[in-house]
Amino acid sequence: NGIYLMSGSHDCSIRLWNLDSKTCVQEITAHRKKLDESIY
């Protein structure tokens, strides 16, 4: 629907962003690190 953006990072978190306000509305710690990498 083009309302939310989801991002993943090597900081082990998934973040959900409101695309209109560009603010983070939810954060989930999702994966463990392996060799300094996490979410692909």
PDB file of all heavy atoms in Angstrom:
ATOM      1  N   ASN A   1       0.808  -1.227   0.000  1.00  0.00           N
ATOM      2  CA  ASN A   1       0.000   0.000   0.000  1.00  0.00           C
ATOM      3  C   ASN A   1       0.835   1.268   0.000  1.00  0.00           C
ATOM      4  O   ASN A   1       0.292   2.373  -0.083  1.00  0.00           O
ATOM      5  CB  ASN A   1      -0.942   0.001   1.215  1.00  0.00           C
ATOM      6  CG  ASN A   1      -1.909  -1.162   1.184  1.00  0.00           C
ATOM      7  OD1 ASN A   1      -2.505  -1.447   0.147  1.00  0.00           O
ATOM      8  ND2 ASN A   1      -2.050  -1.858   2.304  1.00  0.00           N
ATOM      9  N   GLY A   2       2.137   1.131   0.119  1.00  0.00           N
ATOM     10  CA  GLY A   2       3.018   2.294   0.071  1.00  0.00           C
ATOM     11  C   GLY A   2       2.982   3.151   1.323  1.00  0.00           C
ATOM     12  O   GLY A   2       3.355   4.324   1.272  1.00  0.00           O
ATOM     13  N   ILE A   3       2.571   2.581   2.453  1.00  0.00           N
ATOM     14  CA  ILE A   3       2.471   3.353   3.693  1.00  0.00           C
ATOM     15  C   ILE A   3       3.720   3.187   4.552  1.00  0.00           C
ATOM     16  O   ILE A   3       4.190   4.126   5.188  1.00  0.00           O
ATOM     17  CB  ILE A   3       1.212   2.930   4.487  1.00  0.00           C
ATOM     18  CG1 ILE A   3      -0.039   3.207   3.660  1.00  0.00           C
ATOM     19  CG2 ILE A   3       1.147   3.638   5.839  1.00  0.00           C
ATOM     20  CD1 ILE A   3      -1.298   2.601   4.230  1.00  0.00           C
ATOM     21  N   TYR A   4       4.278   1.969   4.566  1.00  0.00           N
ATOM     22  CA  TYR A   4       5.409   1.671   5.437  1.00  0.00           C
ATOM     23  C   TYR A   4       6.636   1.231   4.641  1.00  0.00           C
ATOM     24  O   TYR A   4       6.527   0.583   3.601  1.00  0.00           O
ATOM     25  CB  TYR A   4       5.057   0.570   6.433  1.00  0.00           C
ATOM     26  CG  TYR A   4       3.971   0.954   7.399  1.00  0.00           C
ATOM     27  CD1 TYR A   4       2.691   0.422   7.277  1.00  0.00           C
ATOM     28  CD2 TYR A   4       4.213   1.861   8.428  1.00  0.00           C
ATOM     29  CE1 TYR A   4       1.676   0.768   8.160  1.00  0.00           C
ATOM     30  CE2 TYR A   4       3.202   2.225   9.314  1.00  0.00           C
ATOM     31  CZ  TYR A   4       1.943   1.672   9.176  1.00  0.00           C
ATOM     32  OH  TYR A   4       0.947   2.030  10.043  1.00  0.00           O
ATOM     33  N   LEU A   5       7.796   1.609   5.172  1.00  0.00           N
ATOM     34  CA  LEU A   5       9.088   1.139   4.674  1.00  0.00           C
ATOM     35  C   LEU A   5       9.703   0.263   5.753  1.00  0.00           C
ATOM     36  O   LEU A   5       9.666   0.599   6.937  1.00  0.00           O
ATOM     37  CB  LEU A   5      10.012   2.330   4.394  1.00  0.00           C
ATOM     38  CG  LEU A   5      11.464   2.002   4.044  1.00  0.00           C
ATOM     39  CD1 LEU A   5      11.564   1.427   2.631  1.00  0.00           C
ATOM     40  CD2 LEU A   5      12.346   3.244   4.173  1.00  0.00           C
ATOM     41  N   MET A   6      10.248  -0.879   5.367  1.00  0.00           N
ATOM     42  CA  MET A   6      10.940  -1.746   6.309  1.00  0.00           C
ATOM     43  C   MET A   6      12.409  -1.809   5.923  1.00  0.00           C
ATOM     44  O   MET A   6      12.749  -1.908   4.736  1.00  0.00           O
ATOM     45  CB  MET A   6      10.330  -3.152   6.299  1.00  0.00           C
ATOM     46  CG  MET A   6      10.980  -4.102   7.264  1.00  0.00           C
ATOM     47  SD  MET A   6      10.011  -5.622   7.551  1.00  0.00           S
ATOM     48  CE  MET A   6       9.613  -6.126   5.876  1.00  0.00           C
ATOM     49  N   SER A   7      13.286  -1.711   6.923  1.00  0.00           N
ATOM     50  CA  SER A   7      14.716  -1.777   6.672  1.00  0.00           C
ATOM     51  C   SER A   7      15.354  -2.817   7.572  1.00  0.00           C
ATOM     52  O   SER A   7      14.916  -3.053   8.698  1.00  0.00           O
ATOM     53  CB  SER A   7      15.372  -0.409   6.910  1.00  0.00           C
ATOM     54  OG  SER A   7      15.165   0.029   8.249  1.00  0.00           O
ATOM     55  N   GLY A   8      16.401  -3.459   7.068  1.00  0.00           N
ATOM     56  CA  GLY A   8      17.187  -4.407   7.839  1.00  0.00           C
ATOM     57  C   GLY A   8      18.633  -3.960   7.863  1.00  0.00           C
ATOM     58  O   GLY A   8      19.101  -3.269   6.946  1.00  0.00           O
ATOM     59  N   SER A   9      19.359  -4.354   8.912  1.00  0.00           N
ATOM     60  CA  SER A   9      20.717  -3.838   9.092  1.00  0.00           C
ATOM     61  C   SER A   9      21.615  -4.887   9.738  1.00  0.00           C
ATOM     62  O   SER A   9      21.151  -5.828  10.391  1.00  0.00           O
ATOM     63  CB  SER A   9      20.673  -2.580   9.960  1.00  0.00           C
ATOM     64  OG  SER A   9      21.958  -2.191  10.396  1.00  0.00           O
ATOM     65  N   HIS A  10      22.930  -4.677   9.588  1.00  0.00           N
ATOM     66  CA  HIS A  10      23.893  -5.507  10.301  1.00  0.00           C
ATOM     67  C   HIS A  10      23.922  -5.192  11.796  1.00  0.00           C
ATOM     68  O   HIS A  10      24.665  -5.849  12.534  1.00  0.00           O
ATOM     69  CB  HIS A  10      25.289  -5.335   9.687  1.00  0.00           C
ATOM     70  CG  HIS A  10      25.459  -6.027   8.376  1.00  0.00           C
ATOM     71  ND1 HIS A  10      24.844  -7.227   8.071  1.00  0.00           N
ATOM     72  CD2 HIS A  10      26.166  -5.688   7.262  1.00  0.00           C
ATOM     73  CE1 HIS A  10      25.176  -7.595   6.844  1.00  0.00           C
ATOM     74  NE2 HIS A  10      25.965  -6.679   6.333  1.00  0.00           N
ATOM     75  N   ASP A  11      23.114  -4.213  12.250  1.00  0.00           N
ATOM     76  CA  ASP A  11      22.995  -3.984  13.695  1.00  0.00           C
ATOM     77  C   ASP A  11      21.990  -4.958  14.336  1.00  0.00           C
ATOM     78  O   ASP A  11      21.640  -4.804  15.505  1.00  0.00           O
ATOM     79  CB  ASP A  11      22.632  -2.529  14.005  1.00  0.00           C
ATOM     80  CG  ASP A  11      21.226  -2.142  13.540  1.00  0.00           C
ATOM     81  OD1 ASP A  11      20.451  -3.024  13.111  1.00  0.00           O
ATOM     82  OD2 ASP A  11      20.894  -0.940  13.606  1.00  0.00           O
ATOM     83  N   CYS A  12      21.533  -5.944  13.579  1.00  0.00           N
ATOM     84  CA  CYS A  12      20.626  -7.019  14.012  1.00  0.00           C
ATOM     85  C   CYS A  12      19.169  -6.599  14.114  1.00  0.00           C
ATOM     86  O   CYS A  12      18.339  -7.376  14.589  1.00  0.00           O
ATOM     87  CB  CYS A  12      21.051  -7.610  15.376  1.00  0.00           C
ATOM     88  SG  CYS A  12      22.727  -8.254  15.399  1.00  0.00           S
ATOM     89  N   SER A  13      18.816  -5.400  13.690  1.00  0.00           N
ATOM     90  CA  SER A  13      17.437  -4.941  13.859  1.00  0.00           C
ATOM     91  C   SER A  13      16.715  -4.772  12.533  1.00  0.00           C
ATOM     92  O   SER A  13      17.314  -4.470  11.494  1.00  0.00           O
ATOM     93  CB  SER A  13      17.402  -3.608  14.619  1.00  0.00           C
ATOM     94  OG  SER A  13      17.838  -2.542  13.803  1.00  0.00           O
ATOM     95  N   ILE A  14      15.390  -4.991  12.611  1.00  0.00           N
ATOM     96  CA  ILE A  14      14.460  -4.611  11.546  1.00  0.00           C
ATOM     97  C   ILE A  14      13.738  -3.364  12.047  1.00  0.00           C
ATOM     98  O   ILE A  14      13.293  -3.331  13.202  1.00  0.00           O
ATOM     99  CB  ILE A  14      13.422  -5.716  11.276  1.00  0.00           C
ATOM    100  CG1 ILE A  14      14.098  -6.984  10.774  1.00  0.00           C
ATOM    101  CG2 ILE A  14      12.377  -5.256  10.277  1.00  0.00           C
ATOM    102  CD1 ILE A  14      13.162  -8.178  10.737  1.00  0.00           C
ATOM    103  N   ARG A  15      13.633  -2.359  11.219  1.00  0.00           N
ATOM    104  CA  ARG A  15      12.905  -1.152  11.610  1.00  0.00           C
ATOM    105  C   ARG A  15      11.790  -0.879  10.605  1.00  0.00           C
ATOM    106  O   ARG A  15      11.982  -1.016   9.395  1.00  0.00           O
ATOM    107  CB  ARG A  15      13.846   0.051  11.731  1.00  0.00           C
ATOM    108  CG  ARG A  15      14.835  -0.125  12.880  1.00  0.00           C
ATOM    109  CD  ARG A  15      15.663   1.102  13.157  1.00  0.00           C
ATOM    110  NE  ARG A  15      16.508   0.877  14.332  1.00  0.00           N
ATOM    111  CZ  ARG A  15      17.322   1.785  14.851  1.00  0.00           C
ATOM    112  NH1 ARG A  15      17.419   2.990  14.306  1.00  0.00           N
ATOM    113  NH2 ARG A  15      18.060   1.505  15.914  1.00  0.00           N
ATOM    114  N   LEU A  16      10.646  -0.512  11.141  1.00  0.00           N
ATOM    115  CA  LEU A  16       9.474  -0.169  10.333  1.00  0.00           C
ATOM    116  C   LEU A  16       9.300   1.339  10.387  1.00  0.00           C
ATOM    117  O   LEU A  16       9.266   1.930  11.479  1.00  0.00           O
ATOM    118  CB  LEU A  16       8.243  -0.881  10.882  1.00  0.00           C
ATOM    119  CG  LEU A  16       7.015  -0.975   9.966  1.00  0.00           C
ATOM    120  CD1 LEU A  16       7.336  -1.818   8.736  1.00  0.00           C
ATOM    121  CD2 LEU A  16       5.838  -1.563  10.726  1.00  0.00           C
ATOM    122  N   TRP A  17       9.208   1.971   9.218  1.00  0.00           N
ATOM    123  CA  TRP A  17       9.145   3.430   9.109  1.00  0.00           C
ATOM    124  C   TRP A  17       7.827   3.863   8.492  1.00  0.00           C
ATOM    125  O   TRP A  17       7.349   3.247   7.539  1.00  0.00           O
ATOM    126  CB  TRP A  17      10.286   3.953   8.236  1.00  0.00           C
ATOM    127  CG  TRP A  17      11.647   3.513   8.662  1.00  0.00           C
ATOM    128  CD1 TRP A  17      12.273   2.332   8.348  1.00  0.00           C
ATOM    129  CD2 TRP A  17      12.559   4.227   9.502  1.00  0.00           C
ATOM    130  NE1 TRP A  17      13.509   2.274   8.937  1.00  0.00           N
ATOM    131  CE2 TRP A  17      13.714   3.415   9.650  1.00  0.00           C
ATOM    132  CE3 TRP A  17      12.509   5.475  10.135  1.00  0.00           C
ATOM    133  CZ2 TRP A  17      14.813   3.822  10.410  1.00  0.00           C
ATOM    134  CZ3 TRP A  17      13.605   5.875  10.886  1.00  0.00           C
ATOM    135  CH2 TRP A  17      14.736   5.051  11.027  1.00  0.00           C
ATOM    136  N   ASN A  18       7.258   4.933   9.023  1.00  0.00           N
ATOM    137  CA  ASN A  18       6.122   5.589   8.378  1.00  0.00           C
ATOM    138  C   ASN A  18       6.685   6.437   7.242  1.00  0.00           C
ATOM    139  O   ASN A  18       7.504   7.337   7.467  1.00  0.00           O
ATOM    140  CB  ASN A  18       5.375   6.465   9.397  1.00  0.00           C
ATOM    141  CG  ASN A  18       4.186   7.166   8.778  1.00  0.00           C
ATOM    142  OD1 ASN A  18       4.337   7.958   7.848  1.00  0.00           O
ATOM    143  ND2 ASN A  18       3.005   6.894   9.287  1.00  0.00           N
ATOM    144  N   LEU A  19       6.272   6.135   6.011  1.00  0.00           N
ATOM    145  CA  LEU A  19       6.853   6.816   4.861  1.00  0.00           C
ATOM    146  C   LEU A  19       6.468   8.285   4.778  1.00  0.00           C
ATOM    147  O   LEU A  19       7.204   9.097   4.213  1.00  0.00           O
ATOM    148  CB  LEU A  19       6.451   6.099   3.567  1.00  0.00           C
ATOM    149  CG  LEU A  19       7.344   4.920   3.187  1.00  0.00           C
ATOM    150  CD1 LEU A  19       6.738   4.148   2.032  1.00  0.00           C
ATOM    151  CD2 LEU A  19       8.736   5.400   2.826  1.00  0.00           C
ATOM    152  N   ASP A  20       5.333   8.637   5.340  1.00  0.00           N
ATOM    153  CA  ASP A  20       4.886  10.030   5.291  1.00  0.00           C
ATOM    154  C   ASP A  20       5.727  10.902   6.231  1.00  0.00           C
ATOM    155  O   ASP A  20       6.247  11.936   5.834  1.00  0.00           O
ATOM    156  CB  ASP A  20       3.405  10.112   5.666  1.00  0.00           C
ATOM    157  CG  ASP A  20       2.823  11.482   5.391  1.00  0.00           C
ATOM    158  OD1 ASP A  20       3.257  12.120   4.413  1.00  0.00           O
ATOM    159  OD2 ASP A  20       1.958  11.929   6.163  1.00  0.00           O
ATOM    160  N   SER A  21       5.883  10.445   7.468  1.00  0.00           N
ATOM    161  CA  SER A  21       6.600  11.241   8.473  1.00  0.00           C
ATOM    162  C   SER A  21       8.089  10.901   8.545  1.00  0.00           C
ATOM    163  O   SER A  21       8.854  11.618   9.196  1.00  0.00           O
ATOM    164  CB  SER A  21       5.966  11.041   9.847  1.00  0.00           C
ATOM    165  OG  SER A  21       6.077   9.683  10.241  1.00  0.00           O
ATOM    166  N   LYS A  22       8.503   9.782   7.905  1.00  0.00           N
ATOM    167  CA  LYS A  22       9.897   9.289   7.953  1.00  0.00           C
ATOM    168  C   LYS A  22      10.338   8.986   9.379  1.00  0.00           C
ATOM    169  O   LYS A  22      11.511   9.152   9.737  1.00  0.00           O
ATOM    170  CB  LYS A  22      10.858  10.316   7.315  1.00  0.00           C
ATOM    171  CG  LYS A  22      10.453  10.831   5.947  1.00  0.00           C
ATOM    172  CD  LYS A  22      10.573   9.792   4.877  1.00  0.00           C
ATOM    173  CE  LYS A  22      10.493  10.386   3.484  1.00  0.00           C
ATOM    174  NZ  LYS A  22       9.217  10.999   3.158  1.00  0.00           N
ATOM    175  N   THR A  23       9.394   8.529  10.208  1.00  0.00           N
ATOM    176  CA  THR A  23       9.717   8.195  11.590  1.00  0.00           C
ATOM    177  C   THR A  23       9.623   6.691  11.807  1.00  0.00           C
ATOM    178  O   THR A  23       8.817   6.007  11.168  1.00  0.00           O
ATOM    179  CB  THR A  23       8.767   8.904  12.576  1.00  0.00           C
ATOM    180  OG1 THR A  23       7.421   8.572  12.235  1.00  0.00           O
ATOM    181  CG2 THR A  23       8.956  10.406  12.524  1.00  0.00           C
ATOM    182  N   CYS A  24      10.446   6.182  12.720  1.00  0.00           N
ATOM    183  CA  CYS A  24      10.449   4.762  13.047  1.00  0.00           C
ATOM    184  C   CYS A  24       9.288   4.460  13.979  1.00  0.00           C
ATOM    185  O   CYS A  24       9.151   5.074  15.034  1.00  0.00           O
ATOM    186  CB  CYS A  24      11.775   4.384  13.708  1.00  0.00           C
ATOM    187  SG  CYS A  24      11.914   2.635  14.104  1.00  0.00           S
ATOM    188  N   VAL A  25       8.435   3.513  13.589  1.00  0.00           N
ATOM    189  CA  VAL A  25       7.260   3.177  14.392  1.00  0.00           C
ATOM    190  C   VAL A  25       7.397   1.828  15.092  1.00  0.00           C
ATOM    191  O   VAL A  25       6.636   1.515  15.994  1.00  0.00           O
ATOM    192  CB  VAL A  25       5.968   3.193  13.533  1.00  0.00           C
ATOM    193  CG1 VAL A  25       5.679   4.598  13.044  1.00  0.00           C
ATOM    194  CG2 VAL A  25       6.069   2.230  12.357  1.00  0.00           C
ATOM    195  N   GLN A  26       8.388   1.025  14.685  1.00  0.00           N
ATOM    196  CA  GLN A  26       8.599  -0.261  15.349  1.00  0.00           C
ATOM    197  C   GLN A  26      10.015  -0.745  15.072  1.00  0.00           C
ATOM    198  O   GLN A  26      10.578  -0.525  13.999  1.00  0.00           O
ATOM    199  CB  GLN A  26       7.597  -1.313  14.862  1.00  0.00           C
ATOM    200  CG  GLN A  26       7.626  -2.605  15.658  1.00  0.00           C
ATOM    201  CD  GLN A  26       6.490  -3.551  15.258  1.00  0.00           C
ATOM    202  OE1 GLN A  26       5.714  -3.257  14.372  1.00  0.00           O
ATOM    203  NE2 GLN A  26       6.412  -4.691  15.914  1.00  0.00           N
ATOM    204  N   GLU A  27      10.596  -1.413  16.070  1.00  0.00           N
ATOM    205  CA  GLU A  27      11.921  -2.014  15.919  1.00  0.00           C
ATOM    206  C   GLU A  27      11.892  -3.431  16.473  1.00  0.00           C
ATOM    207  O   GLU A  27      11.343  -3.672  17.549  1.00  0.00           O
ATOM    208  CB  GLU A  27      12.987  -1.189  16.647  1.00  0.00           C
ATOM    209  CG  GLU A  27      14.383  -1.763  16.489  1.00  0.00           C
ATOM    210  CD  GLU A  27      15.464  -0.907  17.134  1.00  0.00           C
ATOM    211  OE1 GLU A  27      15.132   0.164  17.674  1.00  0.00           O
ATOM    212  OE2 GLU A  27      16.632  -1.322  17.092  1.00  0.00           O
ATOM    213  N   ILE A  28      12.473  -4.370  15.715  1.00  0.00           N
ATOM    214  CA  ILE A  28      12.530  -5.775  16.133  1.00  0.00           C
ATOM    215  C   ILE A  28      13.979  -6.233  16.060  1.00  0.00           C
ATOM    216  O   ILE A  28      14.644  -6.054  15.028  1.00  0.00           O
ATOM    217  CB  ILE A  28      11.678  -6.673  15.211  1.00  0.00           C
ATOM    218  CG1 ILE A  28      10.234  -6.202  15.157  1.00  0.00           C
ATOM    219  CG2 ILE A  28      11.751  -8.130  15.666  1.00  0.00           C
ATOM    220  CD1 ILE A  28       9.412  -6.869  14.050  1.00  0.00           C
ATOM    221  N   THR A  29      14.509  -6.789  17.138  1.00  0.00           N
ATOM    222  CA  THR A  29      15.819  -7.436  17.085  1.00  0.00           C
ATOM    223  C   THR A  29      15.590  -8.848  16.565  1.00  0.00           C
ATOM    224  O   THR A  29      14.939  -9.665  17.214  1.00  0.00           O
ATOM    225  CB  THR A  29      16.483  -7.473  18.470  1.00  0.00           C
ATOM    226  OG1 THR A  29      16.623  -6.132  18.929  1.00  0.00           O
ATOM    227  CG2 THR A  29      17.855  -8.121  18.403  1.00  0.00           C
ATOM    228  N   ALA A  30      16.113  -9.109  15.383  1.00  0.00           N
ATOM    229  CA  ALA A  30      15.663 -10.292  14.646  1.00  0.00           C
ATOM    230  C   ALA A  30      16.689 -11.402  14.507  1.00  0.00           C
ATOM    231  O   ALA A  30      16.328 -12.571  14.500  1.00  0.00           O
ATOM    232  CB  ALA A  30      15.190  -9.861  13.254  1.00  0.00           C
ATOM    233  N   HIS A  31      17.966 -11.064  14.362  1.00  0.00           N
ATOM    234  CA  HIS A  31      18.968 -12.088  14.058  1.00  0.00           C
ATOM    235  C   HIS A  31      20.252 -11.856  14.842  1.00  0.00           C
ATOM    236  O   HIS A  31      20.557 -10.736  15.219  1.00  0.00           O
ATOM    237  CB  HIS A  31      19.288 -12.090  12.555  1.00  0.00           C
ATOM    238  CG  HIS A  31      18.150 -12.539  11.696  1.00  0.00           C
ATOM    239  ND1 HIS A  31      17.924 -13.855  11.367  1.00  0.00           N
ATOM    240  CD2 HIS A  31      17.148 -11.847  11.115  1.00  0.00           C
ATOM    241  CE1 HIS A  31      16.847 -13.951  10.609  1.00  0.00           C
ATOM    242  NE2 HIS A  31      16.349 -12.736  10.440  1.00  0.00           N
ATOM    243  N   ARG A  32      20.981 -12.923  15.050  1.00  0.00           N
ATOM    244  CA  ARG A  32      22.297 -12.815  15.679  1.00  0.00           C
ATOM    245  C   ARG A  32      23.339 -12.438  14.634  1.00  0.00           C
ATOM    246  O   ARG A  32      23.170 -12.708  13.449  1.00  0.00           O
ATOM    247  CB  ARG A  32      22.703 -14.146  16.324  1.00  0.00           C
ATOM    248  CG  ARG A  32      21.763 -14.621  17.419  1.00  0.00           C
ATOM    249  CD  ARG A  32      22.305 -15.875  18.095  1.00  0.00           C
ATOM    250  NE  ARG A  32      22.628 -16.923  17.136  1.00  0.00           N
ATOM    251  CZ  ARG A  32      21.747 -17.790  16.659  1.00  0.00           C
ATOM    252  NH1 ARG A  32      20.479 -17.718  17.016  1.00  0.00           N
ATOM    253  NH2 ARG A  32      22.127 -18.717  15.799  1.00  0.00           N
ATOM    254  N   LYS A  33      24.436 -11.864  15.103  1.00  0.00           N
ATOM    255  CA  LYS A  33      25.535 -11.537  14.201  1.00  0.00           C
ATOM    256  C   LYS A  33      26.379 -12.768  13.916  1.00  0.00           C
ATOM    257  O   LYS A  33      26.551 -13.625  14.771  1.00  0.00           O
ATOM    258  CB  LYS A  33      26.421 -10.441  14.804  1.00  0.00           C
ATOM    259  CG  LYS A  33      25.946  -9.040  14.526  1.00  0.00           C
ATOM    260  CD  LYS A  33      27.089  -8.053  14.578  1.00  0.00           C
ATOM    261  CE  LYS A  33      26.604  -6.673  14.127  1.00  0.00           C
ATOM    262  NZ  LYS A  33      27.698  -5.734  13.904  1.00  0.00           N
ATOM    263  N   LYS A  34      26.903 -12.815  12.704  1.00  0.00           N
ATOM    264  CA  LYS A  34      27.882 -13.827  12.338  1.00  0.00           C
ATOM    265  C   LYS A  34      28.906 -13.164  11.428  1.00  0.00           C
ATOM    266  O   LYS A  34      28.550 -12.633  10.368  1.00  0.00           O
ATOM    267  CB  LYS A  34      27.215 -15.008  11.618  1.00  0.00           C
ATOM    268  CG  LYS A  34      28.196 -16.135  11.305  1.00  0.00           C
ATOM    269  CD  LYS A  34      27.487 -17.329  10.688  1.00  0.00           C
ATOM    270  CE  LYS A  34      28.486 -18.440  10.388  1.00  0.00           C
ATOM    271  NZ  LYS A  34      27.826 -19.600   9.748  1.00  0.00           N
ATOM    272  N   LEU A  35      30.147 -13.146  11.858  1.00  0.00           N
ATOM    273  CA  LEU A  35      31.228 -12.485  11.103  1.00  0.00           C
ATOM    274  C   LEU A  35      30.868 -11.034  10.770  1.00  0.00           C
ATOM    275  O   LEU A  35      31.043 -10.567   9.648  1.00  0.00           O
ATOM    276  CB  LEU A  35      31.551 -13.265   9.820  1.00  0.00           C
ATOM    277  CG  LEU A  35      31.956 -14.734  10.008  1.00  0.00           C
ATOM    278  CD1 LEU A  35      32.140 -15.413   8.668  1.00  0.00           C
ATOM    279  CD2 LEU A  35      33.233 -14.827  10.833  1.00  0.00           C
ATOM    280  N   ASP A  36      30.344 -10.326  11.788  1.00  0.00           N
ATOM    281  CA  ASP A  36      29.984  -8.898  11.670  1.00  0.00           C
ATOM    282  C   ASP A  36      28.834  -8.634  10.702  1.00  0.00           C
ATOM    283  O   ASP A  36      28.625  -7.486  10.290  1.00  0.00           O
ATOM    284  CB  ASP A  36      31.204  -8.039  11.270  1.00  0.00           C
ATOM    285  CG  ASP A  36      32.182  -7.891  12.422  1.00  0.00           C
ATOM    286  OD1 ASP A  36      31.731  -7.916  13.588  1.00  0.00           O
ATOM    287  OD2 ASP A  36      33.390  -7.747  12.155  1.00  0.00           O
ATOM    288  N   GLU A  37      28.110  -9.658  10.314  1.00  0.00           N
ATOM    289  CA  GLU A  37      26.947  -9.466   9.449  1.00  0.00           C
ATOM    290  C   GLU A  37      25.714 -10.003  10.155  1.00  0.00           C
ATOM    291  O   GLU A  37      25.801 -10.871  11.020  1.00  0.00           O
ATOM    292  CB  GLU A  37      27.152 -10.166   8.100  1.00  0.00           C
ATOM    293  CG  GLU A  37      28.308  -9.579   7.308  1.00  0.00           C
ATOM    294  CD  GLU A  37      28.412 -10.164   5.915  1.00  0.00           C
ATOM    295  OE1 GLU A  37      27.857 -11.267   5.684  1.00  0.00           O
ATOM    296  OE2 GLU A  37      29.051  -9.541   5.058  1.00  0.00           O
ATOM    297  N   SER A  38      24.548  -9.459   9.784  1.00  0.00           N
ATOM    298  CA  SER A  38      23.325  -9.910  10.456  1.00  0.00           C
ATOM    299  C   SER A  38      22.182 -10.117   9.479  1.00  0.00           C
ATOM    300  O   SER A  38      21.962 -11.219   9.014  1.00  0.00           O
ATOM    301  CB  SER A  38      22.930  -8.916  11.553  1.00  0.00           C
ATOM    302  OG  SER A  38      21.763  -9.358  12.208  1.00  0.00           O
ATOM    303  N   ILE A  39      21.448  -9.058   9.140  1.00  0.00           N
ATOM    304  CA  ILE A  39      20.253  -9.217   8.308  1.00  0.00           C
ATOM    305  C   ILE A  39      20.600  -8.961   6.842  1.00  0.00           C
ATOM    306  O   ILE A  39      21.173  -7.931   6.494  1.00  0.00           O
ATOM    307  CB  ILE A  39      19.127  -8.277   8.783  1.00  0.00           C
ATOM    308  CG1 ILE A  39      18.722  -8.658  10.214  1.00  0.00           C
ATOM    309  CG2 ILE A  39      17.927  -8.348   7.845  1.00  0.00           C
ATOM    310  CD1 ILE A  39      17.778  -7.690  10.874  1.00  0.00           C
ATOM    311  N   TYR A  40      20.224  -9.920   5.988  1.00  0.00           N
ATOM    312  CA  TYR A  40      20.516  -9.828   4.566  1.00  0.00           C
ATOM    313  C   TYR A  40      19.333  -9.325   3.742  1.00  0.00           C
ATOM    314  O   TYR A  40      19.518  -8.675   2.723  1.00  0.00           O
ATOM    315  CB  TYR A  40      20.936 -11.197   4.020  1.00  0.00           C
ATOM    316  CG  TYR A  40      22.309 -11.654   4.438  1.00  0.00           C
ATOM    317  CD1 TYR A  40      22.577 -13.003   4.632  1.00  0.00           C
ATOM    318  CD2 TYR A  40      23.343 -10.747   4.629  1.00  0.00           C
ATOM    319  CE1 TYR A  40      23.839 -13.447   5.006  1.00  0.00           C
ATOM    320  CE2 TYR A  40      24.604 -11.168   4.996  1.00  0.00           C
ATOM    321  CZ  TYR A  40      24.854 -12.522   5.187  1.00  0.00           C
ATOM    322  OH  TYR A  40      26.100 -12.949   5.551  1.00  0.00           O
TER     323      TYR A  40
END
